[in-house]
Amino acid sequence: MKTIDKDRYGQITLDEARRFLRMDWFPATGEMSAEDFKRTLGLAAETALAHAVESVLVDTREFRPNPALAEICEWREREIVPKYNQVVQRFAWLTAADALQIPGDGQPFQNPGEAYLSCGFRDEAAAMAWLSGE
């Protein structure tokens, strides 16, 4: 895995051979600004596009609630999703084992405008297996 970016908010890594991108969020996410989110999400999407990434894992186990997310939802749909739509086939969300909810209630789903499947997981091994089509 090659580190693409790392700061106090998180880390983006790439496995070119497996066409896999991973984003790990850190506890400092609770302090991110909307511009911080845009920078990180933009870099991840550009990396996915440049390397024809087919699968993405976003580890939110250490992610902290942040009101800035409300400011970027429409921006993400407009600027990030179209890039992912060009190459990504599967997008996994990894949540804490004790999380009250997980995206899609653990079942594959597609958000409006997304061409790829997403699924939420509490178990990293299960997420990785799903991403590889197992």
C-alpha atoms as a PDB file:
ATOM      1  CA  MET A   1       0.000   0.000   0.000  1.00  0.00           C
ATOM      2  CA  LYS A   2       1.268   3.416  -0.961  1.00  0.00           C
ATOM      3  CA  THR A   3       0.382   6.429   1.200  1.00  0.00           C
ATOM      4  CA  ILE A   4      -1.165   9.136  -0.983  1.00  0.00           C
ATOM      5  CA  ASP A   5      -1.904  11.616   1.794  1.00  0.00           C
ATOM      6  CA  LYS A   6      -1.819  11.747   5.573  1.00  0.00           C
ATOM      7  CA  ASP A   7      -2.663  14.524   7.972  1.00  0.00           C
ATOM      8  CA  ARG A   8      -4.187  14.799  11.428  1.00  0.00           C
ATOM      9  CA  TYR A   9      -7.650  14.076  10.003  1.00  0.00           C
ATOM     10  CA  GLY A  10      -6.915  10.858   8.173  1.00  0.00           C
ATOM     11  CA  GLN A  11      -4.943   8.894   5.654  1.00  0.00           C
ATOM     12  CA  ILE A  12      -5.464   7.825   2.043  1.00  0.00           C
ATOM     13  CA  THR A  13      -3.623   4.747   0.781  1.00  0.00           C
ATOM     14  CA  LEU A  14      -3.568   3.060  -2.606  1.00  0.00           C
ATOM     15  CA  ASP A  15      -2.916  -0.515  -3.689  1.00  0.00           C
ATOM     16  CA  GLU A  16      -2.346  -0.082  -7.421  1.00  0.00           C
ATOM     17  CA  ALA A  17      -2.075  -3.817  -8.136  1.00  0.00           C
ATOM     18  CA  ARG A  18      -5.481  -4.521  -6.589  1.00  0.00           C
ATOM     19  CA  ARG A  19      -6.964  -1.213  -7.835  1.00  0.00           C
ATOM     20  CA  PHE A  20      -7.981  -0.482  -4.254  1.00  0.00           C
ATOM     21  CA  LEU A  21      -8.187   2.818  -2.349  1.00  0.00           C
ATOM     22  CA  ARG A  22      -8.514   3.104   1.405  1.00  0.00           C
ATOM     23  CA  MET A  23      -9.457   6.132   3.483  1.00  0.00           C
ATOM     24  CA  ASP A  24      -8.954   5.976   7.238  1.00  0.00           C
ATOM     25  CA  TRP A  25     -10.509   8.792   9.258  1.00  0.00           C
ATOM     26  CA  PHE A  26      -8.931   9.839  12.574  1.00  0.00           C
ATOM     27  CA  PRO A  27     -10.575  11.354  15.704  1.00  0.00           C
ATOM     28  CA  ALA A  28      -9.568  14.898  14.685  1.00  0.00           C
ATOM     29  CA  THR A  29     -12.315  14.756  12.027  1.00  0.00           C
ATOM     30  CA  GLY A  30     -14.549  16.409  14.587  1.00  0.00           C
ATOM     31  CA  GLU A  31     -12.519  19.591  14.019  1.00  0.00           C
ATOM     32  CA  MET A  32     -12.417  19.561  10.195  1.00  0.00           C
ATOM     33  CA  SER A  33     -13.743  22.486   8.191  1.00  0.00           C
ATOM     34  CA  ALA A  34     -15.800  22.042   5.037  1.00  0.00           C
ATOM     35  CA  GLU A  35     -12.705  23.009   3.034  1.00  0.00           C
ATOM     36  CA  ASP A  36     -10.667  20.314   4.816  1.00  0.00           C
ATOM     37  CA  PHE A  37     -13.281  17.720   3.847  1.00  0.00           C
ATOM     38  CA  LYS A  38     -13.358  18.948   0.261  1.00  0.00           C
ATOM     39  CA  ARG A  39      -9.590  18.739  -0.034  1.00  0.00           C
ATOM     40  CA  THR A  40      -9.445  15.174   1.272  1.00  0.00           C
ATOM     41  CA  LEU A  41     -12.457  13.894  -0.659  1.00  0.00           C
ATOM     42  CA  GLY A  42     -11.233  15.601  -3.817  1.00  0.00           C
ATOM     43  CA  LEU A  43      -7.795  14.022  -3.501  1.00  0.00           C
ATOM     44  CA  ALA A  44      -9.325  10.573  -2.952  1.00  0.00           C
ATOM     45  CA  ALA A  45     -11.582  10.924  -6.000  1.00  0.00           C
ATOM     46  CA  GLU A  46      -8.752  12.202  -8.217  1.00  0.00           C
ATOM     47  CA  THR A  47      -6.557   9.299  -7.082  1.00  0.00           C
ATOM     48  CA  ALA A  48      -9.333   6.802  -7.782  1.00  0.00           C
ATOM     49  CA  LEU A  49      -9.820   8.223 -11.257  1.00  0.00           C
ATOM     50  CA  ALA A  50      -6.100   8.441 -12.085  1.00  0.00           C
ATOM     51  CA  HIS A  51      -5.481   4.826 -11.032  1.00  0.00           C
ATOM     52  CA  ALA A  52      -8.778   3.326 -12.259  1.00  0.00           C
ATOM     53  CA  VAL A  53      -9.586   2.186  -8.721  1.00  0.00           C
ATOM     54  CA  GLU A  54     -12.388  -0.384  -8.639  1.00  0.00           C
ATOM     55  CA  SER A  55     -12.945  -0.635  -4.899  1.00  0.00           C
ATOM     56  CA  VAL A  56     -12.856   1.834  -2.014  1.00  0.00           C
ATOM     57  CA  LEU A  57     -12.903   1.230   1.723  1.00  0.00           C
ATOM     58  CA  VAL A  58     -13.697   4.126   4.043  1.00  0.00           C
ATOM     59  CA  ASP A  59     -12.866   3.331   7.654  1.00  0.00           C
ATOM     60  CA  THR A  60     -15.078   5.500   9.861  1.00  0.00           C
ATOM     61  CA  ARG A  61     -14.381   3.684  13.138  1.00  0.00           C
ATOM     62  CA  GLU A  62     -12.549   6.737  14.534  1.00  0.00           C
ATOM     63  CA  PHE A  63     -14.598   9.355  12.663  1.00  0.00           C
ATOM     64  CA  ARG A  64     -16.152  11.985  14.910  1.00  0.00           C
ATOM     65  CA  PRO A  65     -19.408  13.872  14.253  1.00  0.00           C
ATOM     66  CA  ASN A  66     -18.900  17.139  12.440  1.00  0.00           C
ATOM     67  CA  PRO A  67     -21.471  19.777  11.392  1.00  0.00           C
ATOM     68  CA  ALA A  68     -19.306  20.735   8.373  1.00  0.00           C
ATOM     69  CA  LEU A  69     -20.508  17.555   6.654  1.00  0.00           C
ATOM     70  CA  ALA A  70     -23.926  19.114   6.106  1.00  0.00           C
ATOM     71  CA  GLU A  71     -22.217  21.835   4.060  1.00  0.00           C
ATOM     72  CA  ILE A  72     -20.558  19.433   1.631  1.00  0.00           C
ATOM     73  CA  CYS A  73     -23.262  16.875   0.781  1.00  0.00           C
ATOM     74  CA  GLU A  74     -24.414  18.605  -2.411  1.00  0.00           C
ATOM     75  CA  TRP A  75     -20.818  19.425  -3.348  1.00  0.00           C
ATOM     76  CA  ARG A  76     -19.873  15.740  -2.942  1.00  0.00           C
ATOM     77  CA  GLU A  77     -22.764  14.643  -5.158  1.00  0.00           C
ATOM     78  CA  ARG A  78     -21.787  17.179  -7.804  1.00  0.00           C
ATOM     79  CA  GLU A  79     -17.972  16.984  -7.688  1.00  0.00           C
ATOM     80  CA  ILE A  80     -16.957  13.610  -6.248  1.00  0.00           C
ATOM     81  CA  VAL A  81     -19.590  11.043  -7.217  1.00  0.00           C
ATOM     82  CA  PRO A  82     -19.176  11.588 -10.997  1.00  0.00           C
ATOM     83  CA  LYS A  83     -15.462  10.771 -10.668  1.00  0.00           C
ATOM     84  CA  TYR A  84     -16.140   7.614  -8.686  1.00  0.00           C
ATOM     85  CA  ASN A  85     -18.862   6.651 -11.175  1.00  0.00           C
ATOM     86  CA  GLN A  86     -16.233   6.411 -13.913  1.00  0.00           C
ATOM     87  CA  VAL A  87     -14.163   3.690 -12.232  1.00  0.00           C
ATOM     88  CA  VAL A  88     -15.440   2.459  -8.850  1.00  0.00           C
ATOM     89  CA  GLN A  89     -17.543  -0.697  -8.713  1.00  0.00           C
ATOM     90  CA  ARG A  90     -17.786  -1.244  -4.946  1.00  0.00           C
ATOM     91  CA  PHE A  91     -17.571   1.190  -2.032  1.00  0.00           C
ATOM     92  CA  ALA A  92     -17.460  -0.180   1.526  1.00  0.00           C
ATOM     93  CA  TRP A  93     -18.069   1.744   4.734  1.00  0.00           C
ATOM     94  CA  LEU A  94     -16.422   0.284   7.837  1.00  0.00           C
ATOM     95  CA  THR A  95     -18.090   1.340  11.087  1.00  0.00           C
ATOM     96  CA  ALA A  96     -17.362   0.604  14.727  1.00  0.00           C
ATOM     97  CA  ALA A  97     -18.580  -2.725  16.056  1.00  0.00           C
ATOM     98  CA  ASP A  98     -20.870  -0.916  18.510  1.00  0.00           C
ATOM     99  CA  ALA A  99     -22.278   1.574  15.971  1.00  0.00           C
ATOM    100  CA  LEU A 100     -26.051   1.913  16.229  1.00  0.00           C
ATOM    101  CA  GLN A 101     -26.445   2.037  12.452  1.00  0.00           C
ATOM    102  CA  ILE A 102     -24.383   1.084   9.459  1.00  0.00           C
ATOM    103  CA  PRO A 103     -24.886   2.316   5.901  1.00  0.00           C
ATOM    104  CA  GLY A 104     -27.533   0.269   4.109  1.00  0.00           C
ATOM    105  CA  ASP A 105     -28.116  -1.760   7.260  1.00  0.00           C
ATOM    106  CA  GLY A 106     -25.340  -4.043   6.059  1.00  0.00           C
ATOM    107  CA  GLN A 107     -26.945  -4.688   2.666  1.00  0.00           C
ATOM    108  CA  PRO A 108     -25.593  -3.485  -0.708  1.00  0.00           C
ATOM    109  CA  PHE A 109     -27.281  -0.300  -1.925  1.00  0.00           C
ATOM    110  CA  GLN A 110     -26.925   2.534  -4.420  1.00  0.00           C
ATOM    111  CA  ASN A 111     -27.469   6.163  -3.526  1.00  0.00           C
ATOM    112  CA  PRO A 112     -29.182   8.300  -6.156  1.00  0.00           C
ATOM    113  CA  GLY A 113     -26.668   9.302  -8.813  1.00  0.00           C
ATOM    114  CA  GLU A 114     -24.140   6.624  -7.872  1.00  0.00           C
ATOM    115  CA  ALA A 115     -23.284   3.957 -10.461  1.00  0.00           C
ATOM    116  CA  TYR A 116     -21.404   1.783  -7.942  1.00  0.00           C
ATOM    117  CA  LEU A 117     -22.627  -0.438  -5.119  1.00  0.00           C
ATOM    118  CA  SER A 118     -22.054   0.598  -1.510  1.00  0.00           C
ATOM    119  CA  CYS A 119     -22.333  -1.489   1.627  1.00  0.00           C
ATOM    120  CA  GLY A 120     -21.721  -0.921   5.325  1.00  0.00           C
ATOM    121  CA  PHE A 121     -19.764  -3.319   7.538  1.00  0.00           C
ATOM    122  CA  ARG A 122     -18.758  -3.723  11.159  1.00  0.00           C
ATOM    123  CA  ASP A 123     -16.088  -6.309  10.316  1.00  0.00           C
ATOM    124  CA  GLU A 124     -13.032  -5.359   8.248  1.00  0.00           C
ATOM    125  CA  ALA A 125     -12.457  -8.872   6.888  1.00  0.00           C
ATOM    126  CA  ALA A 126     -16.064  -9.036   5.661  1.00  0.00           C
ATOM    127  CA  ALA A 127     -15.699  -5.622   4.014  1.00  0.00           C
ATOM    128  CA  MET A 128     -12.501  -6.685   2.245  1.00  0.00           C
ATOM    129  CA  ALA A 129     -14.104  -9.945   1.062  1.00  0.00           C
ATOM    130  CA  TRP A 130     -17.111  -8.060  -0.340  1.00  0.00           C
ATOM    131  CA  LEU A 131     -14.863  -5.529  -2.077  1.00  0.00           C
ATOM    132  CA  SER A 132     -12.966  -8.325  -3.812  1.00  0.00           C
ATOM    133  CA  GLY A 133     -16.221  -9.939  -4.957  1.00  0.00           C
ATOM    134  CA  GLU A 134     -16.007 -12.960  -2.665  1.00  0.00           C
END
